[in-house]
Protein backbone atom coordinates (compact mmCIF):
# COMPACT_ATOMS: atom_id res chain seq x y z
CA MET A 1 117.88 100.21 81.90
CA LYS A 2 120.43 100.41 84.73
CA THR A 3 121.19 96.75 85.39
CA GLU A 4 124.98 96.81 85.67
CA PHE A 5 126.10 97.64 89.20
CA LYS A 6 128.77 96.46 91.61
CA LEU A 7 128.51 96.90 95.37
CA LYS A 8 131.28 98.82 97.11
CA ASN A 9 130.29 97.52 100.54
CA SER A 10 128.34 94.58 101.93
CA ILE A 11 124.69 95.34 102.62
CA ARG A 12 123.76 95.15 106.31
CA LEU A 13 120.36 96.88 106.19
CA LEU A 14 117.70 96.39 103.50
CA ALA A 15 114.49 98.47 103.45
CA LEU A 16 111.63 97.37 101.23
CA ASP A 17 108.56 99.27 100.13
CA ILE A 18 105.49 97.00 100.25
CA ASP A 19 102.94 97.93 97.60
CA ASP A 20 104.02 97.37 93.98
CA THR A 21 107.57 96.62 95.15
CA LEU A 22 107.34 93.61 97.45
CA VAL A 23 103.69 92.69 96.82
CA TYR A 24 101.30 93.40 93.96
CA LYS A 25 97.88 94.95 94.57
CA ALA A 26 97.99 94.31 98.34
CA GLY A 27 98.52 90.59 97.79
CA LYS A 28 100.76 88.17 99.65
CA VAL A 29 104.54 87.98 99.49
CA SER A 30 105.57 85.46 96.84
CA GLU A 31 107.35 82.26 97.80
CA ARG A 32 110.51 83.35 95.99
CA ASN A 33 110.58 86.70 97.79
CA LEU A 34 109.89 84.97 101.12
CA ALA A 35 112.77 82.56 100.59
CA ALA A 36 115.19 85.30 99.52
CA ILE A 37 114.33 87.53 102.47
CA ALA A 38 114.71 84.62 104.88
CA ALA A 39 118.12 83.83 103.35
CA ALA A 40 119.23 87.46 103.67
CA ARG A 41 118.19 87.57 107.32
CA LYS A 42 119.98 84.27 107.97
CA ALA A 43 123.09 85.84 106.44
CA GLY A 44 122.86 88.66 109.00
CA VAL A 45 121.10 91.37 106.98
CA TYR A 46 118.62 93.53 108.91
CA VAL A 47 115.56 93.45 106.65
CA THR A 48 112.77 95.91 107.27
CA LEU A 49 109.73 97.45 105.58
CA ALA A 50 109.28 101.12 104.69
CA THR A 51 105.68 101.71 103.69
CA GLY A 52 102.95 104.29 103.44
CA ARG A 53 100.71 101.89 105.35
CA GLY A 54 100.19 102.16 109.09
CA PHE A 55 101.49 99.36 111.28
CA PHE A 56 98.15 97.56 111.43
CA GLY A 57 97.82 97.80 107.66
CA SER A 58 101.29 96.31 107.19
CA SER A 59 100.98 93.70 109.96
CA ARG A 60 99.99 90.86 107.62
CA VAL A 61 103.21 91.34 105.66
CA VAL A 62 105.21 91.71 108.88
CA LYS A 63 103.79 88.40 110.09
CA GLN A 64 104.33 86.68 106.76
CA LEU A 65 108.00 87.68 106.87
CA ASN A 66 108.22 86.91 110.62
CA LEU A 67 109.93 90.26 111.17
CA ASP A 68 111.11 91.39 114.60
CA THR A 69 112.67 94.61 113.32
CA LEU A 70 111.86 98.31 113.39
CA VAL A 71 109.34 99.09 110.64
CA VAL A 72 108.81 102.43 108.88
CA ASN A 73 105.11 103.31 108.59
CA TYR A 74 103.01 106.17 107.22
CA GLY A 75 105.72 107.08 104.72
CA GLY A 76 108.26 107.85 107.46
CA ALA A 77 105.95 109.62 109.89
CA MET A 78 106.18 106.72 112.31
CA ILE A 79 108.58 103.89 113.18
CA ASN A 80 107.18 100.88 115.00
CA ASP A 81 108.81 97.97 116.78
CA ALA A 82 107.49 94.82 115.11
CA LYS A 83 108.11 92.81 118.29
CA THR A 84 105.67 94.91 120.32
CA GLY A 85 103.66 96.75 117.67
CA LEU A 86 104.40 99.97 119.54
CA PRO A 87 105.81 103.20 118.06
CA VAL A 88 109.38 104.21 118.87
CA PHE A 89 109.33 107.35 116.74
CA THR A 90 106.39 109.53 115.67
CA THR A 91 105.66 112.80 113.91
CA GLU A 92 102.34 114.50 113.18
CA LEU A 93 100.82 116.91 110.72
CA ASP A 94 99.81 120.22 112.29
CA ASN A 95 96.04 120.64 112.44
CA GLU A 96 96.14 123.73 110.22
CA TYR A 97 97.66 121.64 107.42
CA VAL A 98 95.27 118.75 108.00
CA GLN A 99 92.33 121.12 107.61
CA GLU A 100 93.85 122.87 104.61
CA ILE A 101 94.41 119.55 102.80
CA ILE A 102 90.90 118.32 103.60
CA ALA A 103 89.33 121.61 102.43
CA MET A 104 91.37 121.72 99.23
CA ALA A 105 90.51 118.11 98.39
CA ASP A 106 86.83 118.76 99.02
CA LYS A 107 86.90 121.83 96.77
CA MET A 108 88.48 119.74 94.01
CA GLY A 109 85.95 116.93 94.46
CA LEU A 110 88.53 114.47 95.78
CA HIS A 111 88.24 111.90 98.56
CA ALA A 112 90.58 112.54 101.49
CA HIS A 113 90.92 110.87 104.89
CA LEU A 114 93.14 111.12 107.94
CA TYR A 115 94.35 108.62 110.52
CA GLN A 116 93.94 108.32 114.26
CA GLY A 117 96.26 105.52 115.20
CA ASP A 118 95.37 102.85 112.65
CA CYS A 119 91.78 104.06 112.31
CA VAL A 120 90.79 105.74 109.04
CA VAL A 121 88.56 108.81 109.50
CA CYS A 122 86.70 110.69 106.78
CA ALA A 123 83.80 113.12 106.67
CA LYS A 124 81.53 111.27 104.24
CA PRO A 125 81.22 107.86 102.58
CA HIS A 126 83.10 107.17 99.36
CA PRO A 127 83.66 103.98 97.32
CA TYR A 128 87.44 104.55 97.39
CA VAL A 129 87.69 104.54 101.18
CA ASN A 130 85.35 101.55 101.40
CA GLN A 131 87.65 99.57 99.12
CA TYR A 132 90.78 100.82 100.89
CA VAL A 133 89.73 99.77 104.40
CA SER A 134 88.35 96.48 103.08
CA VAL A 135 91.57 95.49 101.32
CA LEU A 136 93.76 96.35 104.33
CA ASP A 137 91.16 95.30 106.93
CA LEU A 138 91.42 98.65 108.74
CA PRO A 139 89.11 100.14 111.37
CA PHE A 140 87.02 102.93 109.87
CA GLU A 141 85.02 105.87 111.19
CA LEU A 142 82.75 108.47 109.57
CA ASP A 143 82.81 111.88 111.25
CA SER A 144 80.77 114.63 109.59
CA GLU A 145 82.43 117.16 111.92
CA LEU A 146 85.92 116.28 110.65
CA PRO A 147 86.44 119.68 108.92
CA ASN A 148 85.52 121.55 112.09
CA LYS A 149 87.55 119.67 114.68
CA VAL A 150 91.06 120.21 115.97
CA TRP A 151 93.05 117.07 115.18
CA HIS A 152 96.15 115.81 116.98
CA ASN A 153 98.49 112.89 116.29
CA VAL A 154 97.63 112.66 112.58
CA PRO A 155 100.62 110.91 110.93
CA LYS A 156 99.36 111.58 107.41
CA VAL A 157 96.44 112.53 105.20
CA LEU A 158 95.69 110.44 102.12
CA ILE A 159 93.85 111.43 98.95
CA ILE A 160 92.58 108.64 96.72
CA THR A 161 91.57 109.40 93.15
CA GLU A 162 91.64 107.85 89.68
CA PRO A 163 95.24 106.83 88.89
CA GLU A 164 95.21 108.71 85.59
CA ARG A 165 94.45 111.99 87.41
CA VAL A 166 97.50 111.91 89.68
CA ASP A 167 100.01 113.31 87.16
CA GLY A 168 97.81 116.37 86.74
CA ILE A 169 96.81 116.85 90.37
CA LEU A 170 100.07 116.04 92.19
CA PRO A 171 101.96 119.15 90.96
CA ILE A 172 99.10 121.36 92.15
CA PHE A 173 99.43 120.05 95.70
CA GLU A 174 103.24 120.05 95.56
CA SER A 175 103.26 123.70 94.53
CA HIS A 176 100.58 124.76 97.02
CA PHE A 177 102.26 123.08 100.01
CA TYR A 178 105.89 123.65 98.97
CA GLY A 179 108.07 124.22 102.03
CA ARG A 180 105.19 123.38 104.39
CA VAL A 181 104.08 119.77 103.84
CA CYS A 182 105.72 116.74 102.22
CA VAL A 183 103.56 115.65 99.24
CA SER A 184 104.18 112.33 97.46
CA ALA A 185 102.57 109.76 95.19
CA SER A 186 102.51 106.13 96.28
CA SER A 187 100.14 103.40 95.07
CA PRO A 188 98.19 104.14 91.86
CA GLY A 189 95.74 106.95 92.62
CA PHE A 190 97.24 107.77 96.03
CA ILE A 191 98.58 111.21 97.05
CA GLU A 192 100.13 111.29 100.52
CA PHE A 193 100.74 114.22 102.88
CA ASN A 194 103.29 114.03 105.71
CA ARG A 195 104.97 116.48 108.04
CA LEU A 196 107.78 118.28 106.24
CA GLY A 197 111.00 116.33 106.81
CA ALA A 198 109.16 113.14 107.73
CA ASN A 199 109.84 110.71 104.92
CA LYS A 200 111.16 107.22 104.37
CA GLY A 201 114.68 108.54 103.93
CA THR A 202 114.87 110.31 107.29
CA ALA A 203 113.22 107.33 108.99
CA LEU A 204 115.66 104.88 107.41
CA ALA A 205 118.58 107.10 108.46
CA TRP A 206 117.18 107.08 112.02
CA ILE A 207 117.12 103.26 112.04
CA ALA A 208 120.59 102.94 110.53
CA ASP A 209 122.02 105.32 113.12
CA ARG A 210 120.32 103.43 115.92
CA LEU A 211 121.79 100.16 114.63
CA GLY A 212 125.24 101.62 114.03
CA ILE A 213 125.07 100.86 110.31
CA ASP A 214 126.82 103.15 107.85
CA ARG A 215 124.79 104.68 105.04
CA SER A 216 127.01 102.91 102.49
CA GLU A 217 125.83 99.56 103.92
CA VAL A 218 122.13 100.38 103.44
CA ALA A 219 120.01 99.31 100.46
CA ALA A 220 116.47 100.44 99.69
CA MET A 221 113.93 99.35 97.09
CA GLY A 222 110.83 101.16 95.88
CA ASP A 223 108.58 102.16 93.01
CA ASN A 224 107.04 105.62 93.52
CA THR A 225 107.82 109.13 94.77
CA LEU A 226 107.01 108.21 98.37
CA ASP A 227 110.22 106.11 98.12
CA LEU A 228 112.39 108.84 96.61
CA GLU A 229 114.18 110.06 99.76
CA MET A 230 115.11 106.56 100.91
CA ILE A 231 116.34 105.64 97.42
CA GLU A 232 118.51 108.77 97.50
CA TYR A 233 119.69 108.15 101.08
CA ALA A 234 120.66 104.50 100.71
CA GLY A 235 124.13 103.48 99.65
CA VAL A 236 122.35 101.36 97.05
CA GLY A 237 118.95 102.43 95.75
CA ALA A 238 117.08 99.91 93.61
CA ALA A 239 113.94 100.48 91.56
CA VAL A 240 111.65 97.73 90.36
CA ALA A 241 111.04 97.85 86.61
CA ASN A 242 107.46 99.03 87.14
CA ALA A 243 108.66 102.09 89.10
CA SER A 244 107.85 105.67 88.12
CA GLU A 245 110.37 107.49 85.95
CA ILE A 246 111.45 109.65 88.90
CA ILE A 247 112.44 106.58 90.92
CA ARG A 248 114.03 104.83 87.96
CA SER A 249 116.20 107.91 87.36
CA ALA A 250 117.18 108.25 91.03
CA ALA A 251 118.03 104.57 91.53
CA ASP A 252 121.48 103.04 91.18
CA LEU A 253 120.02 100.06 89.40
CA ILE A 254 116.73 98.71 88.08
CA VAL A 255 115.66 95.16 88.88
CA PRO A 256 112.77 93.08 87.51
CA SER A 257 109.25 94.25 88.26
CA CYS A 258 107.20 93.53 91.36
CA THR A 259 105.32 90.74 89.58
CA GLU A 260 108.63 89.21 88.53
CA ASP A 261 110.03 89.09 92.09
CA GLY A 262 112.43 91.99 91.75
CA VAL A 263 113.07 91.92 95.51
CA ALA A 264 114.29 88.32 95.32
CA TYR A 265 116.39 89.14 92.25
CA PHE A 266 118.16 91.95 94.10
CA ILE A 267 118.82 89.82 97.19
CA GLU A 268 120.01 86.80 95.20
CA ASN A 269 122.28 88.75 92.88
CA TYR A 270 123.55 91.64 94.99
CA ILE A 271 123.32 90.65 98.65
CA LEU A 272 123.89 86.90 98.65
CA ASN A 273 126.17 86.87 95.62
CA ASP A 274 129.74 87.05 96.92
CA ALA A 275 130.83 89.05 93.90
CA GLY A 276 128.33 91.76 94.75
CA SER A 277 127.17 92.14 91.15
CA ALA A 278 124.51 90.52 89.04
CA ARG A 279 125.10 87.03 87.74
CA GLU A 280 124.45 86.16 84.10
CA GLU A 281 120.83 85.07 83.65
């Protein structure tokens, strides 16, 4: 496990994935993580979130952290200003791809839905979408004409299936949409589709450039392939111990798991530690 690492530069920007990195199973931010993030912000670090969730779906975490920063949503398809809740950067999936994803999912017997703003839209009821909108308290709409409509301003399409099926299904979608759509795995059972080039890495680079922060002064933490580009972009990429093998391999270091407050561990040992390297436990 990659636990030995020394910072070359001080960290001025820290981007955190939410699900299974900062919080477990859509729960609350732990007290230790809250305290560490507050300490990092007090020390002058620009702490933000980079999540597959929309802004409304991430708003409870934003409020818990009392963030007033730019927040990456929909896996990099949108950047919102936490002070106003309004987007400052957006991308969308072309309708032809939206329809192709929906049709392919339906043919494979998979649930898929799209987004209009923060509203989840799907063609027919499904237990997975019911649970999803309930956990995140999202507005929800059934539209039987979804496959026949022309859709605009869709930041992403999400497929939800059994977690154990993802390893077999994900490569099928990656191959089919190669060079046309960005396909990633996120939370267990989730397969996400974004506009090609719209990912957490490009969104984080956009924020860093806007803030005048060099790439070498950026750190990012994540757990699944939706986080890959930002882990690769950041001067320091950290994976929680529960991360997928792809993320663990791409990361500069591996910290304790989400349930063991890996975010706090990274902040305490690498950002707030003057030596810039992990202390002896």
